[in-house]
C-alpha cells in the first residue's frame, strides 16, 4: 500500500507541475522559456492568465474540413450524385462486413433496415417491438448522408468520396423501401425523401418544447 501511495503522490506532483507550466504564456521568439524554479516559485493563489499558451487558432481550411454538417433541408449537401446500383458496390466493399449483406446488422454493426418482425416505430403505441433502424426511426434522409460522410466506414471514416456517399445513401434508402431502384440521389432529391418517422419528432429549442410523440 505504501508503494501505491508513493506512486500516486508522484503522479499528483507531476500533474501539478504540468498544470502550473500550462499557465505560462508562450514565450516570444528568442526569449527563454521559464525554468522549473520559475514555475515552482509561482504562488498557488496567482490569478489565472488570460490564455494558457496551448494550441493555436484553427486555419480556415481546418475549419472547413470539419464544418460539413448537413441540415434537414439539404443545406450543406455537396455537388455530386449516386445511384442504387453504384451504392450496392460501395456497400458491399465498405459496409457489409459490419452491417450485414442486406443491412440486417451484425454484432459489429447496427441494423440499417427494420426487422421484418418489428417494422414499426419503436416504443410507439402498439409497436413496442419496433426497430430503431433508418427506415423506421430516422426523421430526415439528409442525416444519413451527413453521418456516413463524416463517420463511416468505422475503420476509415471520411475516406468515401461524395459520389460514393450519395450512392450508398441511395442503396440504403432503397433497401428501406423509401426510393425506387432507379433513383438518383443528389442535393435536390435527397431532402425530398419523406421518412416515415418525420412527424414523430418535434423541434426542441430547450426553452418551450415539452412534447414527445
N, C-alpha and C. Protein backbone atom coordinates (compact mmCIF):
# COMPACT_ATOMS: atom_id res chain seq x y z
N UNK A 1 0.82 -1.20 0.00
CA UNK A 1 0.00 0.00 0.00
C UNK A 1 0.85 1.25 0.00
N UNK A 2 1.98 1.21 0.79
CA UNK A 2 2.83 2.40 0.83
C UNK A 2 3.41 2.70 -0.54
N UNK A 3 3.78 1.62 -1.27
CA UNK A 3 4.31 1.82 -2.61
C UNK A 3 3.28 2.48 -3.52
N UNK A 4 2.03 2.04 -3.39
CA UNK A 4 0.97 2.64 -4.20
C UNK A 4 0.76 4.09 -3.83
N UNK A 5 0.81 4.40 -2.51
CA UNK A 5 0.64 5.78 -2.08
C UNK A 5 1.75 6.66 -2.62
N UNK A 6 2.98 6.15 -2.59
CA UNK A 6 4.10 6.94 -3.12
C UNK A 6 3.93 7.18 -4.61
N UNK A 7 3.49 6.14 -5.34
CA UNK A 7 3.30 6.29 -6.79
C UNK A 7 2.22 7.31 -7.09
N UNK A 8 1.12 7.25 -6.32
CA UNK A 8 0.05 8.23 -6.53
C UNK A 8 0.52 9.63 -6.19
N UNK A 9 1.34 9.75 -5.15
CA UNK A 9 1.87 11.06 -4.78
C UNK A 9 2.75 11.64 -5.87
N UNK A 10 3.60 10.79 -6.46
CA UNK A 10 4.46 11.27 -7.54
C UNK A 10 3.64 11.69 -8.75
N UNK A 11 2.59 10.92 -9.05
CA UNK A 11 1.73 11.26 -10.18
C UNK A 11 1.01 12.58 -9.96
N UNK A 12 0.54 12.80 -8.72
CA UNK A 12 -0.13 14.06 -8.41
C UNK A 12 0.82 15.24 -8.53
N UNK A 13 2.08 15.06 -8.06
CA UNK A 13 3.07 16.13 -8.15
C UNK A 13 3.37 16.45 -9.61
N UNK A 14 3.52 15.40 -10.44
CA UNK A 14 3.81 15.62 -11.85
C UNK A 14 2.66 16.36 -12.53
N UNK A 15 1.42 15.99 -12.19
CA UNK A 15 0.27 16.66 -12.78
C UNK A 15 0.22 18.12 -12.36
N UNK A 16 0.54 18.40 -11.09
CA UNK A 16 0.53 19.78 -10.61
C UNK A 16 1.57 20.61 -11.33
N UNK A 17 2.76 20.03 -11.53
CA UNK A 17 3.81 20.76 -12.24
C UNK A 17 3.41 21.02 -13.69
N UNK A 18 2.77 20.03 -14.31
CA UNK A 18 2.34 20.20 -15.69
C UNK A 18 1.30 21.31 -15.82
N UNK A 19 0.32 21.31 -14.91
CA UNK A 19 -0.71 22.35 -14.95
C UNK A 19 -0.13 23.72 -14.66
N UNK A 20 0.82 23.77 -13.76
CA UNK A 20 1.45 25.05 -13.46
C UNK A 20 2.20 25.57 -14.67
N UNK A 21 2.84 24.66 -15.39
CA UNK A 21 3.57 25.06 -16.59
C UNK A 21 2.64 25.56 -17.67
N UNK A 22 1.42 25.03 -17.72
CA UNK A 22 0.47 25.46 -18.74
C UNK A 22 0.00 26.89 -18.52
N UNK A 23 0.16 27.39 -17.29
CA UNK A 23 -0.26 28.75 -17.01
C UNK A 23 0.61 29.79 -17.69
N UNK A 24 1.81 29.40 -18.06
CA UNK A 24 2.73 30.37 -18.61
C UNK A 24 2.39 30.67 -20.06
N UNK A 25 2.40 31.93 -20.46
CA UNK A 25 2.16 32.26 -21.87
C UNK A 25 3.30 31.78 -22.74
N UNK A 26 3.03 31.64 -24.03
CA UNK A 26 4.07 31.23 -24.96
C UNK A 26 5.15 32.30 -25.03
N UNK A 27 6.43 31.94 -24.82
CA UNK A 27 7.50 32.95 -24.87
C UNK A 27 7.59 33.57 -26.25
N UNK A 28 7.98 34.83 -26.29
CA UNK A 28 8.21 35.50 -27.57
C UNK A 28 9.39 34.85 -28.27
N UNK A 29 9.47 35.04 -29.58
CA UNK A 29 10.56 34.46 -30.35
C UNK A 29 11.90 34.92 -29.79
N UNK A 30 12.77 33.97 -29.52
CA UNK A 30 14.10 34.29 -29.00
C UNK A 30 14.16 34.38 -27.49
N UNK A 31 13.01 34.41 -26.82
CA UNK A 31 13.02 34.52 -25.37
C UNK A 31 13.17 33.14 -24.75
N UNK A 32 13.76 33.12 -23.58
CA UNK A 32 13.98 31.86 -22.88
C UNK A 32 12.68 31.40 -22.23
N UNK A 33 12.42 30.11 -22.30
CA UNK A 33 11.24 29.56 -21.65
C UNK A 33 11.45 29.57 -20.15
N UNK A 34 10.39 29.69 -19.35
CA UNK A 34 10.55 29.69 -17.89
C UNK A 34 11.12 28.37 -17.41
N UNK A 35 11.99 28.45 -16.43
CA UNK A 35 12.59 27.25 -15.87
C UNK A 35 11.75 26.67 -14.76
N UNK A 36 12.20 25.52 -14.23
CA UNK A 36 11.46 24.87 -13.16
C UNK A 36 11.35 25.77 -11.94
N UNK A 37 12.41 26.53 -11.67
CA UNK A 37 12.39 27.39 -10.50
C UNK A 37 11.30 28.45 -10.62
N UNK A 38 11.13 28.98 -11.84
CA UNK A 38 10.09 29.99 -12.04
C UNK A 38 8.70 29.39 -11.83
N UNK A 39 8.52 28.16 -12.31
CA UNK A 39 7.23 27.52 -12.17
C UNK A 39 6.93 27.21 -10.72
N UNK A 40 7.93 26.64 -10.01
CA UNK A 40 7.72 26.26 -8.62
C UNK A 40 7.53 27.48 -7.73
N UNK A 41 8.12 28.63 -8.13
CA UNK A 41 8.00 29.83 -7.32
C UNK A 41 6.66 30.52 -7.49
N UNK A 42 5.88 30.11 -8.46
CA UNK A 42 4.59 30.75 -8.69
C UNK A 42 3.65 30.44 -7.54
N UNK A 43 3.11 31.44 -6.87
CA UNK A 43 2.22 31.18 -5.73
C UNK A 43 0.93 30.51 -6.17
N UNK A 44 0.41 29.65 -5.32
CA UNK A 44 -0.81 28.93 -5.65
C UNK A 44 -1.99 29.86 -5.82
N UNK A 45 -1.91 31.04 -5.20
CA UNK A 45 -3.02 31.99 -5.28
C UNK A 45 -2.94 32.91 -6.49
N UNK A 46 -1.93 32.72 -7.34
CA UNK A 46 -1.76 33.60 -8.50
C UNK A 46 -2.99 33.50 -9.40
N UNK A 47 -3.47 34.62 -9.93
CA UNK A 47 -4.65 34.57 -10.81
C UNK A 47 -4.35 33.83 -12.10
N UNK A 48 -5.38 33.23 -12.66
CA UNK A 48 -5.21 32.53 -13.93
C UNK A 48 -4.92 33.52 -15.04
N UNK A 49 -4.08 33.14 -15.98
CA UNK A 49 -3.77 34.04 -17.10
C UNK A 49 -4.94 34.13 -18.07
N UNK A 50 -4.90 35.13 -18.92
CA UNK A 50 -5.94 35.29 -19.93
C UNK A 50 -5.93 34.14 -20.92
N UNK A 51 -4.78 33.56 -21.17
CA UNK A 51 -4.66 32.40 -22.05
C UNK A 51 -3.55 31.51 -21.51
N UNK A 52 -3.61 30.23 -21.88
CA UNK A 52 -2.67 29.26 -21.34
C UNK A 52 -1.50 28.98 -22.27
N UNK A 53 -1.49 29.57 -23.45
CA UNK A 53 -0.37 29.35 -24.34
C UNK A 53 -0.33 27.97 -24.95
N UNK A 54 -1.47 27.33 -25.05
CA UNK A 54 -1.54 25.99 -25.63
C UNK A 54 -2.33 26.05 -26.94
N UNK A 55 -1.80 25.49 -27.99
CA UNK A 55 -2.50 25.44 -29.26
C UNK A 55 -2.36 26.73 -30.04
N UNK A 56 -3.19 26.84 -31.09
CA UNK A 56 -3.16 27.99 -31.98
C UNK A 56 -4.53 28.13 -32.63
N UNK A 57 -4.82 29.29 -33.21
CA UNK A 57 -6.11 29.43 -33.90
C UNK A 57 -6.20 28.46 -35.08
N UNK A 58 -7.39 27.89 -35.28
CA UNK A 58 -7.59 26.99 -36.41
C UNK A 58 -7.60 27.78 -37.71
N UNK A 59 -7.00 27.21 -38.75
CA UNK A 59 -6.96 27.87 -40.05
C UNK A 59 -8.31 27.70 -40.75
N UNK A 60 -8.61 28.55 -41.72
CA UNK A 60 -9.87 28.40 -42.47
C UNK A 60 -10.02 27.01 -43.10
N UNK A 61 -8.92 26.45 -43.61
CA UNK A 61 -9.02 25.13 -44.24
C UNK A 61 -9.32 24.04 -43.21
N UNK A 62 -8.76 24.18 -42.01
CA UNK A 62 -9.04 23.21 -40.95
C UNK A 62 -10.49 23.30 -40.50
N UNK A 63 -11.00 24.50 -40.39
CA UNK A 63 -12.41 24.67 -40.02
C UNK A 63 -13.31 24.10 -41.10
N UNK A 64 -12.97 24.38 -42.37
CA UNK A 64 -13.80 23.90 -43.48
C UNK A 64 -13.86 22.37 -43.52
N UNK A 65 -12.76 21.71 -43.13
CA UNK A 65 -12.74 20.25 -43.15
C UNK A 65 -13.69 19.65 -42.12
N UNK A 66 -13.99 20.39 -41.06
CA UNK A 66 -14.89 19.90 -40.02
C UNK A 66 -16.30 20.45 -40.16
N UNK A 67 -16.44 21.59 -40.81
CA UNK A 67 -17.74 22.25 -40.93
C UNK A 67 -18.50 21.69 -42.13
N UNK A 68 -18.93 20.44 -42.01
CA UNK A 68 -19.56 19.75 -43.13
C UNK A 68 -20.96 19.25 -42.77
N UNK A 69 -21.56 19.83 -41.74
CA UNK A 69 -22.88 19.35 -41.34
C UNK A 69 -23.92 19.66 -42.41
N UNK A 70 -24.92 18.80 -42.48
CA UNK A 70 -25.99 18.91 -43.46
C UNK A 70 -27.31 19.07 -42.72
N UNK A 71 -28.08 20.08 -43.08
CA UNK A 71 -29.37 20.32 -42.43
C UNK A 71 -30.48 19.48 -43.02
N UNK A 72 -31.61 19.38 -42.32
CA UNK A 72 -32.75 18.63 -42.84
C UNK A 72 -33.23 19.12 -44.20
N UNK A 73 -33.03 20.41 -44.48
CA UNK A 73 -33.46 20.97 -45.76
C UNK A 73 -32.44 20.78 -46.87
N UNK A 74 -31.33 20.11 -46.56
CA UNK A 74 -30.32 19.85 -47.58
C UNK A 74 -29.21 20.88 -47.64
N UNK A 75 -29.31 21.95 -46.86
CA UNK A 75 -28.24 22.94 -46.84
C UNK A 75 -26.96 22.26 -46.35
N UNK A 76 -25.90 22.41 -47.12
CA UNK A 76 -24.64 21.76 -46.79
C UNK A 76 -24.33 20.55 -47.64
N UNK A 77 -25.31 20.07 -48.40
CA UNK A 77 -25.04 18.93 -49.29
C UNK A 77 -24.11 19.37 -50.42
N UNK A 78 -23.12 18.56 -50.76
CA UNK A 78 -22.17 18.93 -51.81
C UNK A 78 -22.68 18.56 -53.20
N UNK A 79 -22.01 19.03 -54.24
CA UNK A 79 -22.34 18.58 -55.60
C UNK A 79 -22.08 17.08 -55.73
N UNK A 80 -22.68 16.50 -56.74
CA UNK A 80 -22.49 15.07 -56.99
C UNK A 80 -23.81 14.33 -56.92
N UNK A 81 -23.76 13.04 -57.22
CA UNK A 81 -24.96 12.21 -57.18
C UNK A 81 -24.54 10.75 -57.10
N UNK A 82 -25.51 9.91 -56.82
CA UNK A 82 -25.25 8.48 -56.74
C UNK A 82 -26.50 7.68 -57.04
N UNK A 83 -26.32 6.48 -57.54
CA UNK A 83 -27.44 5.60 -57.88
C UNK A 83 -27.46 4.39 -56.96
N UNK A 84 -28.58 3.70 -56.97
CA UNK A 84 -28.71 2.49 -56.15
C UNK A 84 -27.71 1.43 -56.59
N UNK A 85 -27.55 1.25 -57.90
CA UNK A 85 -26.61 0.24 -58.40
C UNK A 85 -25.19 0.54 -57.96
N UNK A 86 -24.78 1.81 -58.10
CA UNK A 86 -23.43 2.17 -57.66
C UNK A 86 -23.29 2.00 -56.16
N UNK A 87 -24.35 2.31 -55.43
CA UNK A 87 -24.31 2.17 -53.98
C UNK A 87 -24.18 0.74 -53.53
N UNK A 88 -24.75 -0.20 -54.29
CA UNK A 88 -24.64 -1.61 -53.94
C UNK A 88 -23.18 -2.05 -53.93
N UNK A 89 -22.41 -1.56 -54.90
CA UNK A 89 -20.99 -1.92 -54.96
C UNK A 89 -20.22 -1.30 -53.81
N UNK A 90 -20.50 -0.03 -53.51
CA UNK A 90 -19.82 0.64 -52.40
C UNK A 90 -20.17 -0.05 -51.09
N UNK A 91 -21.44 -0.36 -50.91
CA UNK A 91 -21.88 -1.00 -49.67
C UNK A 91 -21.20 -2.36 -49.49
N UNK A 92 -21.17 -3.16 -50.54
CA UNK A 92 -20.57 -4.49 -50.44
C UNK A 92 -19.10 -4.41 -50.06
N UNK A 93 -18.40 -3.40 -50.59
CA UNK A 93 -16.96 -3.29 -50.35
C UNK A 93 -16.63 -2.64 -49.02
N UNK A 94 -17.45 -1.69 -48.57
CA UNK A 94 -17.05 -0.86 -47.44
C UNK A 94 -17.96 -0.96 -46.21
N UNK A 95 -19.13 -1.56 -46.36
CA UNK A 95 -20.11 -1.50 -45.27
C UNK A 95 -20.63 -2.86 -44.80
N UNK A 96 -20.72 -3.81 -45.72
CA UNK A 96 -21.40 -5.08 -45.43
C UNK A 96 -20.72 -5.88 -44.34
N UNK A 97 -19.41 -5.76 -44.18
CA UNK A 97 -18.71 -6.56 -43.18
C UNK A 97 -19.20 -6.26 -41.77
N UNK A 98 -19.68 -5.05 -41.54
CA UNK A 98 -20.20 -4.70 -40.21
C UNK A 98 -21.73 -4.72 -40.16
N UNK A 99 -22.38 -4.24 -41.21
CA UNK A 99 -23.83 -4.05 -41.17
C UNK A 99 -24.61 -5.17 -41.84
N UNK A 100 -23.93 -6.19 -42.34
CA UNK A 100 -24.62 -7.31 -42.96
C UNK A 100 -24.83 -7.10 -44.45
N UNK A 101 -24.95 -8.19 -45.16
CA UNK A 101 -25.03 -8.15 -46.62
C UNK A 101 -26.21 -7.32 -47.10
N UNK A 102 -27.33 -7.39 -46.38
CA UNK A 102 -28.54 -6.67 -46.79
C UNK A 102 -28.92 -5.58 -45.78
N UNK A 103 -27.98 -5.19 -44.92
CA UNK A 103 -28.29 -4.17 -43.93
C UNK A 103 -28.98 -4.70 -42.70
N UNK A 104 -28.94 -6.04 -42.53
CA UNK A 104 -29.64 -6.66 -41.41
C UNK A 104 -28.90 -6.53 -40.08
N UNK A 105 -27.66 -6.05 -40.13
CA UNK A 105 -26.88 -5.87 -38.91
C UNK A 105 -26.09 -7.11 -38.53
N UNK A 106 -25.04 -6.91 -37.76
CA UNK A 106 -24.21 -7.98 -37.23
C UNK A 106 -23.78 -7.56 -35.82
N UNK A 107 -23.11 -8.43 -35.08
CA UNK A 107 -22.59 -8.00 -33.77
C UNK A 107 -21.65 -6.80 -33.86
N UNK A 108 -21.08 -6.57 -35.04
CA UNK A 108 -20.13 -5.46 -35.19
C UNK A 108 -20.79 -4.17 -35.64
N UNK A 109 -22.01 -4.23 -36.15
CA UNK A 109 -22.65 -3.03 -36.68
C UNK A 109 -24.15 -3.08 -36.59
N UNK A 110 -24.77 -1.93 -36.42
CA UNK A 110 -26.21 -1.85 -36.23
C UNK A 110 -26.99 -2.27 -37.48
N UNK A 111 -28.21 -2.66 -37.25
CA UNK A 111 -29.17 -2.93 -38.32
C UNK A 111 -29.50 -1.63 -39.02
N UNK A 112 -29.54 -1.63 -40.35
CA UNK A 112 -29.86 -0.44 -41.13
C UNK A 112 -31.28 -0.46 -41.67
N UNK A 113 -31.88 -1.63 -41.73
CA UNK A 113 -33.26 -1.77 -42.19
C UNK A 113 -34.09 -2.37 -41.05
N UNK A 114 -35.38 -2.06 -40.98
CA UNK A 114 -36.19 -2.59 -39.89
C UNK A 114 -36.26 -4.11 -39.89
N UNK A 115 -36.40 -4.65 -38.71
CA UNK A 115 -36.63 -6.08 -38.56
C UNK A 115 -37.99 -6.40 -39.16
N UNK A 116 -38.08 -7.37 -40.09
CA UNK A 116 -39.38 -7.71 -40.68
C UNK A 116 -40.43 -8.09 -39.64
N UNK A 117 -39.98 -8.59 -38.49
CA UNK A 117 -40.91 -8.99 -37.43
C UNK A 117 -41.32 -7.81 -36.56
N UNK A 118 -40.63 -6.67 -36.69
CA UNK A 118 -40.95 -5.49 -35.89
C UNK A 118 -40.66 -4.25 -36.72
N UNK A 119 -41.45 -4.01 -37.76
CA UNK A 119 -41.11 -2.96 -38.72
C UNK A 119 -41.50 -1.55 -38.31
N UNK A 120 -42.25 -1.41 -37.23
CA UNK A 120 -42.79 -0.10 -36.89
C UNK A 120 -41.83 0.79 -36.12
N UNK A 121 -42.36 1.96 -35.75
CA UNK A 121 -41.60 2.93 -34.96
C UNK A 121 -41.44 2.38 -33.54
N UNK A 122 -40.24 2.35 -33.00
CA UNK A 122 -40.04 1.78 -31.67
C UNK A 122 -40.73 2.59 -30.58
N UNK A 123 -41.30 1.87 -29.62
CA UNK A 123 -41.94 2.47 -28.45
C UNK A 123 -43.24 3.19 -28.76
N UNK A 124 -43.69 3.15 -30.01
CA UNK A 124 -44.98 3.74 -30.33
C UNK A 124 -46.09 2.83 -29.79
N UNK A 125 -47.25 3.39 -29.61
CA UNK A 125 -48.36 2.62 -29.05
C UNK A 125 -48.66 1.40 -29.92
N UNK A 126 -48.62 0.25 -29.30
CA UNK A 126 -48.90 -0.98 -30.02
C UNK A 126 -47.74 -1.51 -30.83
N UNK A 127 -46.61 -0.80 -30.80
CA UNK A 127 -45.45 -1.24 -31.58
C UNK A 127 -44.21 -1.23 -30.70
N UNK A 128 -44.35 -1.76 -29.49
CA UNK A 128 -43.24 -1.74 -28.55
C UNK A 128 -42.03 -2.49 -29.07
N UNK A 129 -42.25 -3.39 -30.03
CA UNK A 129 -41.15 -4.17 -30.58
C UNK A 129 -40.64 -3.59 -31.89
N UNK A 130 -40.88 -2.31 -32.11
CA UNK A 130 -40.37 -1.67 -33.32
C UNK A 130 -38.85 -1.62 -33.34
N UNK A 131 -38.31 -1.28 -34.49
CA UNK A 131 -36.86 -1.31 -34.69
C UNK A 131 -36.32 0.10 -34.85
N UNK A 132 -35.24 0.39 -34.15
CA UNK A 132 -34.57 1.68 -34.34
C UNK A 132 -33.63 1.57 -35.54
N UNK A 133 -34.21 1.51 -36.71
CA UNK A 133 -33.45 1.45 -37.94
C UNK A 133 -33.72 2.71 -38.75
N UNK A 134 -32.97 2.89 -39.82
CA UNK A 134 -33.08 4.12 -40.61
C UNK A 134 -34.49 4.30 -41.14
N UNK A 135 -35.06 3.26 -41.72
CA UNK A 135 -36.37 3.40 -42.34
C UNK A 135 -37.52 3.54 -41.38
N UNK A 136 -37.33 3.16 -40.11
CA UNK A 136 -38.44 3.21 -39.16
C UNK A 136 -38.28 4.27 -38.09
N UNK A 137 -37.07 4.82 -37.94
CA UNK A 137 -36.83 5.70 -36.80
C UNK A 137 -36.25 7.06 -37.18
N UNK A 138 -35.43 7.13 -38.21
CA UNK A 138 -34.78 8.40 -38.54
C UNK A 138 -35.78 9.37 -39.17
N UNK A 139 -35.81 10.63 -38.74
CA UNK A 139 -36.80 11.57 -39.29
C UNK A 139 -36.39 12.26 -40.57
N UNK A 140 -35.09 12.33 -40.87
CA UNK A 140 -34.63 13.08 -42.04
C UNK A 140 -33.65 12.25 -42.85
N UNK A 141 -33.86 12.21 -44.16
CA UNK A 141 -32.97 11.44 -45.04
C UNK A 141 -31.59 12.07 -45.14
N UNK A 142 -31.51 13.39 -45.00
CA UNK A 142 -30.21 14.06 -45.13
C UNK A 142 -29.25 13.66 -44.02
N UNK A 143 -29.78 13.25 -42.87
CA UNK A 143 -28.92 12.81 -41.77
C UNK A 143 -28.09 11.60 -42.19
N UNK A 144 -28.65 10.75 -43.04
CA UNK A 144 -27.94 9.56 -43.49
C UNK A 144 -26.68 9.95 -44.25
N UNK A 145 -26.79 10.90 -45.18
CA UNK A 145 -25.61 11.36 -45.91
C UNK A 145 -24.60 11.97 -44.95
N UNK A 146 -25.07 12.85 -44.06
CA UNK A 146 -24.18 13.53 -43.12
C UNK A 146 -23.39 12.52 -42.29
N UNK A 147 -24.09 11.53 -41.74
CA UNK A 147 -23.44 10.58 -40.84
C UNK A 147 -22.47 9.68 -41.58
N UNK A 148 -22.87 9.19 -42.73
CA UNK A 148 -21.98 8.31 -43.50
C UNK A 148 -20.73 9.07 -43.92
N UNK A 149 -20.88 10.30 -44.38
CA UNK A 149 -19.72 11.05 -44.86
C UNK A 149 -18.70 11.30 -43.75
N UNK A 150 -19.16 11.64 -42.56
CA UNK A 150 -18.21 12.01 -41.51
C UNK A 150 -17.75 10.83 -40.64
N UNK A 151 -18.53 9.74 -40.62
CA UNK A 151 -18.25 8.70 -39.62
C UNK A 151 -18.01 7.30 -40.17
N UNK A 152 -18.26 7.07 -41.43
CA UNK A 152 -18.15 5.72 -41.98
C UNK A 152 -17.15 5.68 -43.13
N UNK A 153 -16.57 4.48 -43.38
CA UNK A 153 -16.60 3.27 -42.58
C UNK A 153 -15.91 3.49 -41.24
N UNK A 154 -16.25 2.70 -40.26
CA UNK A 154 -15.75 2.94 -38.92
C UNK A 154 -14.23 2.86 -38.84
N UNK A 155 -13.62 2.00 -39.65
CA UNK A 155 -12.17 1.87 -39.59
C UNK A 155 -11.44 2.93 -40.40
N UNK A 156 -12.14 3.61 -41.32
CA UNK A 156 -11.51 4.67 -42.12
C UNK A 156 -12.53 5.77 -42.41
N UNK A 157 -13.04 6.43 -41.38
CA UNK A 157 -14.06 7.45 -41.61
C UNK A 157 -13.54 8.60 -42.45
N UNK A 158 -14.42 9.11 -43.30
CA UNK A 158 -14.06 10.24 -44.14
C UNK A 158 -13.35 9.88 -45.42
N UNK A 159 -13.21 8.60 -45.72
CA UNK A 159 -12.47 8.20 -46.92
C UNK A 159 -13.37 8.00 -48.14
N UNK A 160 -14.68 7.99 -47.95
CA UNK A 160 -15.58 7.86 -49.10
C UNK A 160 -15.69 9.21 -49.81
N UNK A 161 -15.74 9.18 -51.13
CA UNK A 161 -15.95 10.40 -51.90
C UNK A 161 -17.42 10.81 -51.79
N UNK A 162 -17.72 12.04 -52.13
CA UNK A 162 -19.12 12.48 -52.07
C UNK A 162 -20.02 11.66 -52.98
N UNK A 163 -19.62 11.34 -54.23
CA UNK A 163 -20.47 10.47 -55.05
C UNK A 163 -20.67 9.09 -54.42
N UNK A 164 -19.64 8.55 -53.76
CA UNK A 164 -19.80 7.26 -53.09
C UNK A 164 -20.78 7.36 -51.93
N UNK A 165 -20.74 8.46 -51.20
CA UNK A 165 -21.68 8.64 -50.10
C UNK A 165 -23.10 8.77 -50.64
N UNK A 166 -23.27 9.54 -51.70
CA UNK A 166 -24.60 9.64 -52.32
C UNK A 166 -25.09 8.26 -52.77
N UNK A 167 -24.18 7.48 -53.35
CA UNK A 167 -24.57 6.17 -53.86
C UNK A 167 -24.97 5.21 -52.74
N UNK A 168 -24.18 5.14 -51.69
CA UNK A 168 -24.52 4.22 -50.61
C UNK A 168 -25.77 4.71 -49.87
N UNK A 169 -25.97 6.02 -49.83
CA UNK A 169 -27.21 6.56 -49.28
C UNK A 169 -28.40 6.10 -50.11
N UNK A 170 -28.26 6.15 -51.43
CA UNK A 170 -29.33 5.69 -52.31
C UNK A 170 -29.65 4.23 -52.07
N UNK A 171 -28.61 3.40 -51.93
CA UNK A 171 -28.82 1.97 -51.73
C UNK A 171 -29.53 1.70 -50.41
N UNK A 172 -29.09 2.37 -49.35
CA UNK A 172 -29.71 2.15 -48.04
C UNK A 172 -31.17 2.61 -48.04
N UNK A 173 -31.44 3.74 -48.66
CA UNK A 173 -32.83 4.20 -48.75
C UNK A 173 -33.68 3.23 -49.56
N UNK A 174 -33.10 2.67 -50.62
CA UNK A 174 -33.83 1.68 -51.42
C UNK A 174 -34.11 0.42 -50.60
N UNK A 175 -33.12 -0.03 -49.84
CA UNK A 175 -33.31 -1.22 -49.02
C UNK A 175 -34.40 -1.00 -47.96
N UNK A 176 -34.60 0.25 -47.59
CA UNK A 176 -35.65 0.58 -46.63
C UNK A 176 -36.99 0.85 -47.31
N UNK A 177 -37.05 0.68 -48.64
CA UNK A 177 -38.29 0.89 -49.36
C UNK A 177 -38.71 2.34 -49.49
N UNK A 178 -37.74 3.25 -49.44
CA UNK A 178 -38.06 4.68 -49.45
C UNK A 178 -37.81 5.34 -50.79
N UNK A 179 -37.06 4.71 -51.68
CA UNK A 179 -36.86 5.22 -53.03
C UNK A 179 -36.95 4.06 -54.00
N UNK A 180 -37.17 4.38 -55.27
CA UNK A 180 -37.22 3.34 -56.30
C UNK A 180 -35.81 2.86 -56.65
N UNK A 181 -35.73 1.69 -57.27
CA UNK A 181 -34.43 1.12 -57.60
C UNK A 181 -33.67 1.94 -58.62
N UNK A 182 -34.37 2.75 -59.41
CA UNK A 182 -33.69 3.57 -60.41
C UNK A 182 -33.47 5.01 -59.91
N UNK A 183 -33.60 5.22 -58.63
CA UNK A 183 -33.46 6.57 -58.07
C UNK A 183 -32.04 7.10 -58.20
N UNK A 184 -31.93 8.39 -58.42
CA UNK A 184 -30.66 9.10 -58.40
C UNK A 184 -30.72 10.08 -57.23
N UNK A 185 -29.80 9.93 -56.31
CA UNK A 185 -29.80 10.76 -55.11
C UNK A 185 -28.76 11.86 -55.25
N UNK A 186 -29.20 13.09 -55.04
CA UNK A 186 -28.30 14.24 -55.08
C UNK A 186 -28.81 15.30 -54.11
N UNK A 187 -28.25 16.51 -54.21
CA UNK A 187 -28.60 17.56 -53.26
C UNK A 187 -30.05 18.01 -53.39
N UNK A 188 -30.68 17.74 -54.52
CA UNK A 188 -32.08 18.11 -54.71
C UNK A 188 -33.04 17.00 -54.30
N UNK A 189 -32.72 15.77 -54.68
CA UNK A 189 -33.65 14.67 -54.43
C UNK A 189 -33.59 14.14 -52.99
N UNK A 190 -32.44 14.22 -52.35
CA UNK A 190 -32.32 13.64 -51.01
C UNK A 190 -33.21 14.34 -49.98
N UNK A 191 -33.24 15.67 -49.91
CA UNK A 191 -34.13 16.30 -48.92
C UNK A 191 -35.61 16.03 -49.17
N UNK A 192 -35.95 15.64 -50.40
CA UNK A 192 -37.35 15.40 -50.74
C UNK A 192 -37.83 14.02 -50.31
N UNK A 193 -36.92 13.15 -49.88
CA UNK A 193 -37.32 11.80 -49.45
C UNK A 193 -38.09 11.93 -48.13
N UNK A 194 -39.31 11.45 -48.11
CA UNK A 194 -40.16 11.53 -46.92
C UNK A 194 -39.92 10.32 -46.04
N UNK A 195 -39.36 10.54 -44.88
CA UNK A 195 -39.10 9.46 -43.94
C UNK A 195 -40.36 9.17 -43.13
N UNK A 196 -40.71 7.90 -42.92
CA UNK A 196 -41.94 7.56 -42.20
C UNK A 196 -42.03 8.15 -40.80
N UNK A 197 -40.90 8.34 -40.15
CA UNK A 197 -40.92 8.82 -38.76
C UNK A 197 -40.82 10.33 -38.64
N UNK A 198 -40.86 11.06 -39.76
CA UNK A 198 -40.61 12.51 -39.69
C UNK A 198 -41.56 13.21 -38.73
N UNK A 199 -42.84 12.89 -38.76
CA UNK A 199 -43.81 13.60 -37.94
C UNK A 199 -43.83 13.13 -36.49
N UNK A 200 -43.00 12.17 -36.16
CA UNK A 200 -42.93 11.71 -34.77
C UNK A 200 -41.92 12.50 -33.94
N UNK A 201 -41.24 13.42 -34.57
CA UNK A 201 -40.27 14.25 -33.87
C UNK A 201 -40.71 15.71 -33.92
N UNK A 202 -40.42 16.44 -32.86
CA UNK A 202 -40.78 17.86 -32.80
C UNK A 202 -39.52 18.66 -32.52
N UNK A 203 -39.45 19.91 -32.99
CA UNK A 203 -38.28 20.74 -32.70
C UNK A 203 -38.12 20.96 -31.20
N UNK A 204 -36.89 20.94 -30.73
CA UNK A 204 -36.61 21.16 -29.32
C UNK A 204 -35.65 22.34 -29.21
N UNK A 205 -36.18 23.50 -28.79
CA UNK A 205 -35.33 24.67 -28.64
C UNK A 205 -34.80 24.81 -27.22
N UNK A 206 -35.02 23.78 -26.38
CA UNK A 206 -34.58 23.75 -24.99
C UNK A 206 -35.27 24.79 -24.13
N UNK A 207 -36.28 25.47 -24.68
CA UNK A 207 -36.98 26.50 -23.93
C UNK A 207 -38.47 26.21 -23.81
N UNK A 208 -39.10 25.93 -24.96
CA UNK A 208 -40.55 25.77 -24.95
C UNK A 208 -41.01 24.37 -25.31
N UNK A 209 -40.13 23.54 -25.85
CA UNK A 209 -40.54 22.20 -26.28
C UNK A 209 -40.76 21.32 -25.06
N UNK A 210 -41.94 20.75 -24.95
CA UNK A 210 -42.23 19.87 -23.82
C UNK A 210 -43.06 18.67 -24.24
N UNK A 211 -42.99 18.34 -25.54
CA UNK A 211 -43.78 17.24 -26.05
C UNK A 211 -42.89 16.14 -26.60
N UNK A 212 -43.34 14.94 -26.46
CA UNK A 212 -42.68 13.80 -27.07
C UNK A 212 -43.76 12.99 -27.77
N UNK A 213 -43.57 12.72 -29.05
CA UNK A 213 -44.55 11.94 -29.79
C UNK A 213 -44.14 10.48 -29.77
